[in-house]
Amino acid sequence: MFWAKIPWGSHFCNFYETKQDLLDILISYFKAGLENNEFCLWVVSIPGLITAEDAKLALSQSIPGFDKYLAEQKIEILKSTDWYLKENIFDAERKQSMLAHKTQKCIGLRL
C-alpha cells in the first residue's frame, strides 16, 4: 500500500482535477487510517466540487464498516464553514482550541 511507505510525520501534496480524482486519493488515505485505528478528520473545503454528504457516501460505499467508524467517532467529516468560521468570522484562537481538543481526544486525554 502506498501510504505504508511514507514515514510518520511526513508532509506531501496531492494534485487532482476532478471530484473522482480527489476521492481516489482520500478514500485510500482514510481507509488506511481507520484500519490502523487512527482518528481521521476530513474538513471538506472545496465549494462546488464535493460536499460533506458526498464524502460520507463515497467513504461508506468504499470502506467496510464505515458506519461503525462514523458512529464511534473514529472519523469526522465537517464542512469548512463549520471548522474555520463562527458566525462567518475566522477565529484563530477558536481554531487552535478545536484542534487541541481533537488531538487530546485522539490520545485519550480529557480537557
PDB file of N, CA and C in Angstrom:
ATOM      1  N   MET A   1       0.845  -1.173   0.000  1.00  0.00           N
ATOM      2  CA  MET A   1       0.000   0.000   0.000  1.00  0.00           C
ATOM      3  C   MET A   1       0.892   1.238   0.000  1.00  0.00           C
ATOM      4  N   PHE A   2       0.586   2.193  -0.841  1.00  0.00           N
ATOM      5  CA  PHE A   2       1.369   3.415  -0.985  1.00  0.00           C
ATOM      6  C   PHE A   2       1.564   4.140   0.329  1.00  0.00           C
ATOM      7  N   TRP A   3       0.495   4.290   1.117  1.00  0.00           N
ATOM      8  CA  TRP A   3       0.568   5.085   2.343  1.00  0.00           C
ATOM      9  C   TRP A   3       1.519   4.471   3.362  1.00  0.00           C
ATOM     10  N   ALA A   4       1.652   3.158   3.367  1.00  0.00           N
ATOM     11  CA  ALA A   4       2.505   2.488   4.343  1.00  0.00           C
ATOM     12  C   ALA A   4       3.979   2.823   4.126  1.00  0.00           C
ATOM     13  N   LYS A   5       4.354   3.310   2.967  1.00  0.00           N
ATOM     14  CA  LYS A   5       5.753   3.608   2.654  1.00  0.00           C
ATOM     15  C   LYS A   5       6.167   5.014   3.073  1.00  0.00           C
ATOM     16  N   ILE A   6       5.240   5.810   3.529  1.00  0.00           N
ATOM     17  CA  ILE A   6       5.533   7.185   3.916  1.00  0.00           C
ATOM     18  C   ILE A   6       5.843   7.214   5.409  1.00  0.00           C
ATOM     19  N   PRO A   7       7.022   7.704   5.803  1.00  0.00           N
ATOM     20  CA  PRO A   7       7.353   7.744   7.235  1.00  0.00           C
ATOM     21  C   PRO A   7       6.408   8.668   8.002  1.00  0.00           C
ATOM     22  N   TRP A   8       6.140   8.309   9.254  1.00  0.00           N
ATOM     23  CA  TRP A   8       5.285   9.103  10.119  1.00  0.00           C
ATOM     24  C   TRP A   8       5.828  10.525  10.203  1.00  0.00           C
ATOM     25  N   GLY A   9       4.951  11.510  10.125  1.00  0.00           N
ATOM     26  CA  GLY A   9       5.359  12.905  10.222  1.00  0.00           C
ATOM     27  C   GLY A   9       5.692  13.548   8.893  1.00  0.00           C
ATOM     28  N   SER A  10       5.641  12.779   7.827  1.00  0.00           N
ATOM     29  CA  SER A  10       5.949  13.332   6.504  1.00  0.00           C
ATOM     30  C   SER A  10       4.825  14.241   6.030  1.00  0.00           C
ATOM     31  N   HIS A  11       5.166  15.145   5.162  1.00  0.00           N
ATOM     32  CA  HIS A  11       4.180  16.026   4.543  1.00  0.00           C
ATOM     33  C   HIS A  11       4.222  15.795   3.041  1.00  0.00           C
ATOM     34  N   PHE A  12       3.086  15.938   2.411  1.00  0.00           N
ATOM     35  CA  PHE A  12       3.030  15.766   0.969  1.00  0.00           C
ATOM     36  C   PHE A  12       1.878  16.562   0.406  1.00  0.00           C
ATOM     37  N   CYS A  13       1.895  16.732  -0.882  1.00  0.00           N
ATOM     38  CA  CYS A  13       0.850  17.480  -1.567  1.00  0.00           C
ATOM     39  C   CYS A  13       0.323  16.634  -2.711  1.00  0.00           C
ATOM     40  N   ASN A  14      -0.968  16.585  -2.859  1.00  0.00           N
ATOM     41  CA  ASN A  14      -1.589  15.853  -3.964  1.00  0.00           C
ATOM     42  C   ASN A  14      -2.308  16.836  -4.870  1.00  0.00           C
ATOM     43  N   PHE A  15      -2.260  16.568  -6.146  1.00  0.00           N
ATOM     44  CA  PHE A  15      -2.964  17.392  -7.121  1.00  0.00           C
ATOM     45  C   PHE A  15      -4.036  16.542  -7.784  1.00  0.00           C
ATOM     46  N   TYR A  16      -5.154  17.154  -8.063  1.00  0.00           N
ATOM     47  CA  TYR A  16      -6.258  16.441  -8.690  1.00  0.00           C
ATOM     48  C   TYR A  16      -7.023  17.425  -9.559  1.00  0.00           C
ATOM     49  N   GLU A  17      -7.761  16.867 -10.505  1.00  0.00           N
ATOM     50  CA  GLU A  17      -8.551  17.711 -11.403  1.00  0.00           C
ATOM     51  C   GLU A  17     -10.045  17.554 -11.205  1.00  0.00           C
ATOM     52  N   THR A  18     -10.461  16.391 -10.765  1.00  0.00           N
ATOM     53  CA  THR A  18     -11.891  16.115 -10.677  1.00  0.00           C
ATOM     54  C   THR A  18     -12.262  15.617  -9.281  1.00  0.00           C
ATOM     55  N   LYS A  19     -13.546  15.585  -9.045  1.00  0.00           N
ATOM     56  CA  LYS A  19     -14.063  15.040  -7.793  1.00  0.00           C
ATOM     57  C   LYS A  19     -13.619  13.589  -7.632  1.00  0.00           C
ATOM     58  N   GLN A  20     -13.663  12.816  -8.709  1.00  0.00           N
ATOM     59  CA  GLN A  20     -13.256  11.409  -8.629  1.00  0.00           C
ATOM     60  C   GLN A  20     -11.770  11.279  -8.317  1.00  0.00           C
ATOM     61  N   ASP A  21     -10.931  12.157  -8.882  1.00  0.00           N
ATOM     62  CA  ASP A  21      -9.504  12.152  -8.541  1.00  0.00           C
ATOM     63  C   ASP A  21      -9.322  12.361  -7.044  1.00  0.00           C
ATOM     64  N   LEU A  22     -10.027  13.339  -6.495  1.00  0.00           N
ATOM     65  CA  LEU A  22      -9.934  13.639  -5.072  1.00  0.00           C
ATOM     66  C   LEU A  22     -10.377  12.438  -4.245  1.00  0.00           C
ATOM     67  N   LEU A  23     -11.497  11.843  -4.612  1.00  0.00           N
ATOM     68  CA  LEU A  23     -11.993  10.679  -3.872  1.00  0.00           C
ATOM     69  C   LEU A  23     -11.032   9.500  -3.966  1.00  0.00           C
ATOM     70  N   ASP A  24     -10.449   9.291  -5.134  1.00  0.00           N
ATOM     71  CA  ASP A  24      -9.498   8.187  -5.300  1.00  0.00           C
ATOM     72  C   ASP A  24      -8.316   8.337  -4.339  1.00  0.00           C
ATOM     73  N   ILE A  25      -7.867   9.545  -4.140  1.00  0.00           N
ATOM     74  CA  ILE A  25      -6.757   9.804  -3.216  1.00  0.00           C
ATOM     75  C   ILE A  25      -7.215   9.627  -1.771  1.00  0.00           C
ATOM     76  N   LEU A  26      -8.293  10.299  -1.402  1.00  0.00           N
ATOM     77  CA  LEU A  26      -8.674  10.363   0.006  1.00  0.00           C
ATOM     78  C   LEU A  26      -9.328   9.097   0.543  1.00  0.00           C
ATOM     79  N   ILE A  27     -10.027   8.364  -0.287  1.00  0.00           N
ATOM     80  CA  ILE A  27     -10.653   7.132   0.204  1.00  0.00           C
ATOM     81  C   ILE A  27      -9.578   6.161   0.690  1.00  0.00           C
ATOM     82  N   SER A  28      -8.530   5.953  -0.099  1.00  0.00           N
ATOM     83  CA  SER A  28      -7.482   5.023   0.339  1.00  0.00           C
ATOM     84  C   SER A  28      -6.738   5.571   1.555  1.00  0.00           C
ATOM     85  N   TYR A  29      -6.571   6.874   1.619  1.00  0.00           N
ATOM     86  CA  TYR A  29      -5.905   7.518   2.751  1.00  0.00           C
ATOM     87  C   TYR A  29      -6.697   7.299   4.045  1.00  0.00           C
ATOM     88  N   PHE A  30      -7.990   7.586   4.015  1.00  0.00           N
ATOM     89  CA  PHE A  30      -8.815   7.411   5.208  1.00  0.00           C
ATOM     90  C   PHE A  30      -9.017   5.937   5.548  1.00  0.00           C
ATOM     91  N   LYS A  31      -9.117   5.098   4.549  1.00  0.00           N
ATOM     92  CA  LYS A  31      -9.252   3.655   4.793  1.00  0.00           C
ATOM     93  C   LYS A  31      -8.045   3.143   5.567  1.00  0.00           C
ATOM     94  N   ALA A  32      -6.854   3.530   5.149  1.00  0.00           N
ATOM     95  CA  ALA A  32      -5.633   3.108   5.843  1.00  0.00           C
ATOM     96  C   ALA A  32      -5.620   3.635   7.278  1.00  0.00           C
ATOM     97  N   GLY A  33      -5.996   4.878   7.470  1.00  0.00           N
ATOM     98  CA  GLY A  33      -6.023   5.450   8.809  1.00  0.00           C
ATOM     99  C   GLY A  33      -6.997   4.727   9.722  1.00  0.00           C
ATOM    100  N   LEU A  34      -8.196   4.470   9.230  1.00  0.00           N
ATOM    101  CA  LEU A  34      -9.205   3.787  10.042  1.00  0.00           C
ATOM    102  C   LEU A  34      -8.774   2.363  10.367  1.00  0.00           C
ATOM    103  N   GLU A  35      -8.192   1.674   9.391  1.00  0.00           N
ATOM    104  CA  GLU A  35      -7.730   0.309   9.623  1.00  0.00           C
ATOM    105  C   GLU A  35      -6.585   0.263  10.639  1.00  0.00           C
ATOM    106  N   ASN A  36      -5.850   1.356  10.782  1.00  0.00           N
ATOM    107  CA  ASN A  36      -4.755   1.442  11.750  1.00  0.00           C
ATOM    108  C   ASN A  36      -5.203   2.078  13.066  1.00  0.00           C
ATOM    109  N   ASN A  37      -6.508   2.176  13.255  1.00  0.00           N
ATOM    110  CA  ASN A  37      -7.109   2.712  14.477  1.00  0.00           C
ATOM    111  C   ASN A  37      -6.683   4.157  14.753  1.00  0.00           C
ATOM    112  N   GLU A  38      -6.551   4.939  13.699  1.00  0.00           N
ATOM    113  CA  GLU A  38      -6.212   6.348  13.832  1.00  0.00           C
ATOM    114  C   GLU A  38      -7.491   7.183  13.738  1.00  0.00           C
ATOM    115  N   PHE A  39      -7.507   8.300  14.421  1.00  0.00           N
ATOM    116  CA  PHE A  39      -8.617   9.233  14.287  1.00  0.00           C
ATOM    117  C   PHE A  39      -8.449   9.977  12.963  1.00  0.00           C
ATOM    118  N   CYS A  40      -9.514  10.110  12.214  1.00  0.00           N
ATOM    119  CA  CYS A  40      -9.462  10.777  10.914  1.00  0.00           C
ATOM    120  C   CYS A  40     -10.413  11.974  10.915  1.00  0.00           C
ATOM    121  N   LEU A  41      -9.943  13.070  10.348  1.00  0.00           N
ATOM    122  CA  LEU A  41     -10.738  14.282  10.243  1.00  0.00           C
ATOM    123  C   LEU A  41     -10.630  14.791   8.812  1.00  0.00           C
ATOM    124  N   TRP A  42     -11.775  14.944   8.153  1.00  0.00           N
ATOM    125  CA  TRP A  42     -11.814  15.496   6.805  1.00  0.00           C
ATOM    126  C   TRP A  42     -12.615  16.777   6.870  1.00  0.00           C
ATOM    127  N   VAL A  43     -11.947  17.888   6.625  1.00  0.00           N
ATOM    128  CA  VAL A  43     -12.620  19.175   6.536  1.00  0.00           C
ATOM    129  C   VAL A  43     -12.835  19.431   5.048  1.00  0.00           C
ATOM    130  N   VAL A  44     -14.069  19.287   4.616  1.00  0.00           N
ATOM    131  CA  VAL A  44     -14.420  19.446   3.201  1.00  0.00           C
ATOM    132  C   VAL A  44     -14.451  20.934   2.894  1.00  0.00           C
ATOM    133  N   SER A  45     -13.486  21.361   2.074  1.00  0.00           N
ATOM    134  CA  SER A  45     -13.322  22.804   1.892  1.00  0.00           C
ATOM    135  C   SER A  45     -13.287  23.248   0.437  1.00  0.00           C
ATOM    136  N   ILE A  46     -13.867  22.475  -0.438  1.00  0.00           N
ATOM    137  CA  ILE A  46     -13.833  22.834  -1.853  1.00  0.00           C
ATOM    138  C   ILE A  46     -15.268  23.046  -2.341  1.00  0.00           C
ATOM    139  N   PRO A  47     -15.785  24.256  -2.169  1.00  0.00           N
ATOM    140  CA  PRO A  47     -17.168  24.509  -2.578  1.00  0.00           C
ATOM    141  C   PRO A  47     -17.395  24.176  -4.053  1.00  0.00           C
ATOM    142  N   GLY A  48     -18.470  23.510  -4.309  1.00  0.00           N
ATOM    143  CA  GLY A  48     -18.827  23.186  -5.680  1.00  0.00           C
ATOM    144  C   GLY A  48     -18.241  21.882  -6.194  1.00  0.00           C
ATOM    145  N   LEU A  49     -17.179  21.373  -5.556  1.00  0.00           N
ATOM    146  CA  LEU A  49     -16.577  20.123  -6.012  1.00  0.00           C
ATOM    147  C   LEU A  49     -17.150  18.929  -5.258  1.00  0.00           C
ATOM    148  N   ILE A  50     -17.187  19.038  -3.933  1.00  0.00           N
ATOM    149  CA  ILE A  50     -17.668  17.928  -3.116  1.00  0.00           C
ATOM    150  C   ILE A  50     -18.284  18.483  -1.829  1.00  0.00           C
ATOM    151  N   THR A  51     -19.300  17.810  -1.356  1.00  0.00           N
ATOM    152  CA  THR A  51     -19.937  18.197  -0.096  1.00  0.00           C
ATOM    153  C   THR A  51     -19.585  17.163   0.976  1.00  0.00           C
ATOM    154  N   ALA A  52     -19.855  17.502   2.218  1.00  0.00           N
ATOM    155  CA  ALA A  52     -19.640  16.552   3.304  1.00  0.00           C
ATOM    156  C   ALA A  52     -20.510  15.308   3.103  1.00  0.00           C
ATOM    157  N   GLU A  53     -21.702  15.504   2.582  1.00  0.00           N
ATOM    158  CA  GLU A  53     -22.598  14.373   2.318  1.00  0.00           C
ATOM    159  C   GLU A  53     -22.033  13.480   1.219  1.00  0.00           C
ATOM    160  N   ASP A  54     -21.476  14.085   0.157  1.00  0.00           N
ATOM    161  CA  ASP A  54     -20.826  13.304  -0.913  1.00  0.00           C
ATOM    162  C   ASP A  54     -19.679  12.482  -0.346  1.00  0.00           C
ATOM    163  N   ALA A  55     -18.885  13.119   0.515  1.00  0.00           N
ATOM    164  CA  ALA A  55     -17.728  12.454   1.108  1.00  0.00           C
ATOM    165  C   ALA A  55     -18.167  11.249   1.939  1.00  0.00           C
ATOM    166  N   LYS A  56     -19.181  11.432   2.783  1.00  0.00           N
ATOM    167  CA  LYS A  56     -19.679  10.326   3.605  1.00  0.00           C
ATOM    168  C   LYS A  56     -20.193   9.182   2.745  1.00  0.00           C
ATOM    169  N   LEU A  57     -20.924   9.515   1.700  1.00  0.00           N
ATOM    170  CA  LEU A  57     -21.469   8.479   0.821  1.00  0.00           C
ATOM    171  C   LEU A  57     -20.348   7.709   0.136  1.00  0.00           C
ATOM    172  N   ALA A  58     -19.362   8.408  -0.397  1.00  0.00           N
ATOM    173  CA  ALA A  58     -18.248   7.748  -1.082  1.00  0.00           C
ATOM    174  C   ALA A  58     -17.470   6.842  -0.126  1.00  0.00           C
ATOM    175  N   LEU A  59     -17.221   7.328   1.079  1.00  0.00           N
ATOM    176  CA  LEU A  59     -16.498   6.519   2.061  1.00  0.00           C
ATOM    177  C   LEU A  59     -17.319   5.309   2.486  1.00  0.00           C
ATOM    178  N   SER A  60     -18.613   5.496   2.683  1.00  0.00           N
ATOM    179  CA  SER A  60     -19.460   4.377   3.120  1.00  0.00           C
ATOM    180  C   SER A  60     -19.564   3.294   2.045  1.00  0.00           C
ATOM    181  N   GLN A  61     -19.467   3.685   0.782  1.00  0.00           N
ATOM    182  CA  GLN A  61     -19.535   2.719  -0.313  1.00  0.00           C
ATOM    183  C   GLN A  61     -18.202   2.005  -0.538  1.00  0.00           C
ATOM    184  N   SER A  62     -17.125   2.542   0.012  1.00  0.00           N
ATOM    185  CA  SER A  62     -15.791   2.009  -0.279  1.00  0.00           C
ATOM    186  C   SER A  62     -15.081   1.375   0.915  1.00  0.00           C
ATOM    187  N   ILE A  63     -15.525   1.687   2.114  1.00  0.00           N
ATOM    188  CA  ILE A  63     -14.826   1.206   3.313  1.00  0.00           C
ATOM    189  C   ILE A  63     -15.769   0.325   4.119  1.00  0.00           C
ATOM    190  N   PRO A  64     -15.451  -0.971   4.219  1.00  0.00           N
ATOM    191  CA  PRO A  64     -16.293  -1.860   5.019  1.00  0.00           C
ATOM    192  C   PRO A  64     -16.367  -1.375   6.462  1.00  0.00           C
ATOM    193  N   GLY A  65     -17.557  -1.358   7.019  1.00  0.00           N
ATOM    194  CA  GLY A  65     -17.750  -0.948   8.404  1.00  0.00           C
ATOM    195  C   GLY A  65     -17.669   0.550   8.622  1.00  0.00           C
ATOM    196  N   PHE A  66     -17.775   1.328   7.553  1.00  0.00           N
ATOM    197  CA  PHE A  66     -17.625   2.776   7.682  1.00  0.00           C
ATOM    198  C   PHE A  66     -18.634   3.375   8.652  1.00  0.00           C
ATOM    199  N   ASP A  67     -19.875   2.918   8.608  1.00  0.00           N
ATOM    200  CA  ASP A  67     -20.899   3.470   9.502  1.00  0.00           C
ATOM    201  C   ASP A  67     -20.526   3.272  10.968  1.00  0.00           C
ATOM    202  N   LYS A  68     -19.881   2.159  11.287  1.00  0.00           N
ATOM    203  CA  LYS A  68     -19.426   1.915  12.658  1.00  0.00           C
ATOM    204  C   LYS A  68     -18.317   2.903  13.031  1.00  0.00           C
ATOM    205  N   TYR A  69     -17.365   3.125  12.126  1.00  0.00           N
ATOM    206  CA  TYR A  69     -16.296   4.106  12.380  1.00  0.00           C
ATOM    207  C   TYR A  69     -16.912   5.489  12.642  1.00  0.00           C
ATOM    208  N   LEU A  70     -17.909   5.828  11.850  1.00  0.00           N
ATOM    209  CA  LEU A  70     -18.564   7.128  11.984  1.00  0.00           C
ATOM    210  C   LEU A  70     -19.300   7.219  13.326  1.00  0.00           C
ATOM    211  N   ALA A  71     -20.025   6.174  13.669  1.00  0.00           N
ATOM    212  CA  ALA A  71     -20.779   6.157  14.925  1.00  0.00           C
ATOM    213  C   ALA A  71     -19.849   6.218  16.141  1.00  0.00           C
ATOM    214  N   GLU A  72     -18.682   5.599  16.029  1.00  0.00           N
ATOM    215  CA  GLU A  72     -17.707   5.598  17.127  1.00  0.00           C
ATOM    216  C   GLU A  72     -16.831   6.848  17.120  1.00  0.00           C
ATOM    217  N   GLN A  73     -17.108   7.745  16.191  1.00  0.00           N
ATOM    218  CA  GLN A  73     -16.360   8.995  16.026  1.00  0.00           C
ATOM    219  C   GLN A  73     -14.879   8.754  15.786  1.00  0.00           C
ATOM    220  N   LYS A  74     -14.568   7.669  15.069  1.00  0.00           N
ATOM    221  CA  LYS A  74     -13.195   7.413  14.628  1.00  0.00           C
ATOM    222  C   LYS A  74     -12.874   8.293  13.430  1.00  0.00           C
ATOM    223  N   ILE A  75     -13.927   8.782  12.777  1.00  0.00           N
ATOM    224  CA  ILE A  75     -13.775   9.708  11.664  1.00  0.00           C
ATOM    225  C   ILE A  75     -14.848  10.783  11.795  1.00  0.00           C
ATOM    226  N   GLU A  76     -14.447  11.989  11.474  1.00  0.00           N
ATOM    227  CA  GLU A  76     -15.395  13.101  11.424  1.00  0.00           C
ATOM    228  C   GLU A  76     -15.229  13.788  10.077  1.00  0.00           C
ATOM    229  N   ILE A  77     -16.340  14.166   9.495  1.00  0.00           N
ATOM    230  CA  ILE A  77     -16.342  14.868   8.219  1.00  0.00           C
ATOM    231  C   ILE A  77     -17.117  16.156   8.432  1.00  0.00           C
ATOM    232  N   LEU A  78     -16.428  17.269   8.301  1.00  0.00           N
ATOM    233  CA  LEU A  78     -17.013  18.569   8.596  1.00  0.00           C
ATOM    234  C   LEU A  78     -16.962  19.483   7.389  1.00  0.00           C
ATOM    235  N   LYS A  79     -17.921  20.394   7.314  1.00  0.00           N
ATOM    236  CA  LYS A  79     -17.889  21.457   6.303  1.00  0.00           C
ATOM    237  C   LYS A  79     -16.843  22.474   6.732  1.00  0.00           C
ATOM    238  N   SER A  80     -16.172  23.069   5.773  1.00  0.00           N
ATOM    239  CA  SER A  80     -15.139  24.056   6.104  1.00  0.00           C
ATOM    240  C   SER A  80     -15.712  25.226   6.885  1.00  0.00           C
ATOM    241  N   THR A  81     -16.946  25.596   6.592  1.00  0.00           N
ATOM    242  CA  THR A  81     -17.545  26.719   7.319  1.00  0.00           C
ATOM    243  C   THR A  81     -17.746  26.369   8.788  1.00  0.00           C
ATOM    244  N   ASP A  82     -18.030  25.097   9.094  1.00  0.00           N
ATOM    245  CA  ASP A  82     -18.189  24.678  10.494  1.00  0.00           C
ATOM    246  C   ASP A  82     -16.842  24.601  11.210  1.00  0.00           C
ATOM    247  N   TRP A  83     -15.791  24.299  10.468  1.00  0.00           N
ATOM    248  CA  TRP A  83     -14.466  24.144  11.066  1.00  0.00           C
ATOM    249  C   TRP A  83     -13.741  25.491  11.203  1.00  0.00           C
ATOM    250  N   TYR A  84     -13.790  26.313  10.164  1.00  0.00           N
ATOM    251  CA  TYR A  84     -12.999  27.538  10.143  1.00  0.00           C
ATOM    252  C   TYR A  84     -13.722  28.781  10.654  1.00  0.00           C
ATOM    253  N   LEU A  85     -15.033  28.793  10.556  1.00  0.00           N
ATOM    254  CA  LEU A  85     -15.758  30.028  10.860  1.00  0.00           C
ATOM    255  C   LEU A  85     -16.738  29.858  12.015  1.00  0.00           C
ATOM    256  N   LYS A  86     -16.949  30.952  12.735  1.00  0.00           N
ATOM    257  CA  LYS A  86     -18.024  31.028  13.720  1.00  0.00           C
ATOM    258  C   LYS A  86     -18.740  32.338  13.425  1.00  0.00           C
ATOM    259  N   GLU A  87     -20.009  32.231  13.094  1.00  0.00           N
ATOM    260  CA  GLU A  87     -20.800  33.400  12.697  1.00  0.00           C
ATOM    261  C   GLU A  87     -20.117  34.156  11.551  1.00  0.00           C
ATOM    262  N   ASN A  88     -19.603  33.393  10.572  1.00  0.00           N
ATOM    263  CA  ASN A  88     -18.945  33.912   9.360  1.00  0.00           C
ATOM    264  C   ASN A  88     -17.658  34.683   9.633  1.00  0.00           C
ATOM    265  N   ILE A  89     -17.046  34.458  10.791  1.00  0.00           N
ATOM    266  CA  ILE A  89     -15.798  35.138  11.140  1.00  0.00           C
ATOM    267  C   ILE A  89     -14.763  34.074  11.508  1.00  0.00           C
ATOM    268  N   PHE A  90     -13.557  34.208  10.923  1.00  0.00           N
ATOM    269  CA  PHE A  90     -12.465  33.304  11.259  1.00  0.00           C
ATOM    270  C   PHE A  90     -11.904  33.701  12.622  1.00  0.00           C
ATOM    271  N   ASP A  91     -11.766  32.727  13.504  1.00  0.00           N
ATOM    272  CA  ASP A  91     -11.255  32.950  14.848  1.00  0.00           C
ATOM    273  C   ASP A  91     -10.094  31.984  15.072  1.00  0.00           C
ATOM    274  N   ALA A  92      -8.852  32.486  14.987  1.00  0.00           N
ATOM    275  CA  ALA A  92      -7.665  31.639  15.090  1.00  0.00           C
ATOM    276  C   ALA A  92      -7.575  30.940  16.453  1.00  0.00           C
ATOM    277  N   GLU A  93      -7.923  31.640  17.515  1.00  0.00           N
ATOM    278  CA  GLU A  93      -7.863  31.029  18.846  1.00  0.00           C
ATOM    279  C   GLU A  93      -8.855  29.877  18.963  1.00  0.00           C
ATOM    280  N   ARG A  94     -10.042  30.068  18.444  1.00  0.00           N
ATOM    281  CA  ARG A  94     -11.055  29.001  18.455  1.00  0.00           C
ATOM    282  C   ARG A  94     -10.551  27.807  17.653  1.00  0.00           C
ATOM    283  N   LYS A  95      -9.944  28.088  16.502  1.00  0.00           N
ATOM    284  CA  LYS A  95      -9.422  27.021  15.654  1.00  0.00           C
ATOM    285  C   LYS A  95      -8.346  26.232  16.389  1.00  0.00           C
ATOM    286  N   GLN A  96      -7.424  26.916  17.064  1.00  0.00           N
ATOM    287  CA  GLN A  96      -6.374  26.235  17.823  1.00  0.00           C
ATOM    288  C   GLN A  96      -6.971  25.398  18.950  1.00  0.00           C
ATOM    289  N   SER A  97      -7.975  25.930  19.610  1.00  0.00           N
ATOM    290  CA  SER A  97      -8.635  25.212  20.692  1.00  0.00           C
ATOM    291  C   SER A  97      -9.322  23.951  20.167  1.00  0.00           C
ATOM    292  N   MET A  98      -9.999  24.062  19.041  1.00  0.00           N
ATOM    293  CA  MET A  98     -10.678  22.901  18.452  1.00  0.00           C
ATOM    294  C   MET A  98      -9.665  21.830  18.059  1.00  0.00           C
ATOM    295  N   LEU A  99      -8.550  22.247  17.479  1.00  0.00           N
ATOM    296  CA  LEU A  99      -7.522  21.295  17.062  1.00  0.00           C
ATOM    297  C   LEU A  99      -6.886  20.624  18.285  1.00  0.00           C
ATOM    298  N   ALA A 100      -6.635  21.400  19.337  1.00  0.00           N
ATOM    299  CA  ALA A 100      -6.091  20.831  20.575  1.00  0.00           C
ATOM    300  C   ALA A 100      -7.068  19.812  21.166  1.00  0.00           C
ATOM    301  N   HIS A 101      -8.352  20.126  21.141  1.00  0.00           N
ATOM    302  CA  HIS A 101      -9.374  19.213  21.653  1.00  0.00           C
ATOM    303  C   HIS A 101      -9.375  17.904  20.859  1.00  0.00           C
ATOM    304  N   LYS A 102      -9.319  18.000  19.542  1.00  0.00           N
ATOM    305  CA  LYS A 102      -9.297  16.790  18.705  1.00  0.00           C
ATOM    306  C   LYS A 102      -8.049  15.971  18.975  1.00  0.00           C
ATOM    307  N   THR A 103      -6.915  16.646  19.140  1.00  0.00           N
ATOM    308  CA  THR A 103      -5.654  15.950  19.402  1.00  0.00           C
ATOM    309  C   THR A 103      -5.714  15.226  20.739  1.00  0.00           C
ATOM    310  N   GLN A 104      -6.207  15.893  21.754  1.00  0.00           N
ATOM    311  CA  GLN A 104      -6.307  15.263  23.072  1.00  0.00           C
ATOM    312  C   GLN A 104      -7.297  14.113  23.044  1.00  0.00           C
ATOM    313  N   LYS A 105      -8.337  14.257  22.298  1.00  0.00           N
ATOM    314  CA  LYS A 105      -9.321  13.171  22.152  1.00  0.00           C
ATOM    315  C   LYS A 105      -8.641  11.943  21.555  1.00  0.00           C
ATOM    316  N   CYS A 106      -7.775  12.177  20.586  1.00  0.00           N
ATOM    317  CA  CYS A 106      -7.082  11.076  19.909  1.00  0.00           C
ATOM    318  C   CYS A 106      -6.192  10.287  20.853  1.00  0.00           C
ATOM    319  N   ILE A 107      -5.576  10.959  21.800  1.00  0.00           N
ATOM    320  CA  ILE A 107      -4.657  10.272  22.704  1.00  0.00           C
ATOM    321  C   ILE A 107      -5.309   9.923  24.040  1.00  0.00           C
ATOM    322  N   GLY A 108      -6.606  10.148  24.117  1.00  0.00           N
ATOM    323  CA  GLY A 108      -7.371   9.708  25.273  1.00  0.00           C
ATOM    324  C   GLY A 108      -7.327  10.629  26.481  1.00  0.00           C
ATOM    325  N   LEU A 109      -6.907  11.874  26.304  1.00  0.00           N
ATOM    326  CA  LEU A 109      -6.868  12.798  27.423  1.00  0.00           C
ATOM    327  C   LEU A 109      -8.182  13.551  27.502  1.00  0.00           C
ATOM    328  N   ARG A 110      -8.484  14.047  28.675  1.00  0.00           N
ATOM    329  CA  ARG A 110      -9.682  14.870  28.863  1.00  0.00           C
ATOM    330  C   ARG A 110      -9.258  16.320  29.010  1.00  0.00           C
ATOM    331  N   LEU A 111     -10.112  17.218  28.526  1.00  0.00           N
ATOM    332  CA  LEU A 111      -9.830  18.650  28.673  1.00  0.00           C
ATOM    333  C   LEU A 111     -10.146  19.110  30.067  1.00  0.00           C
TER     334      LEU A 111
END
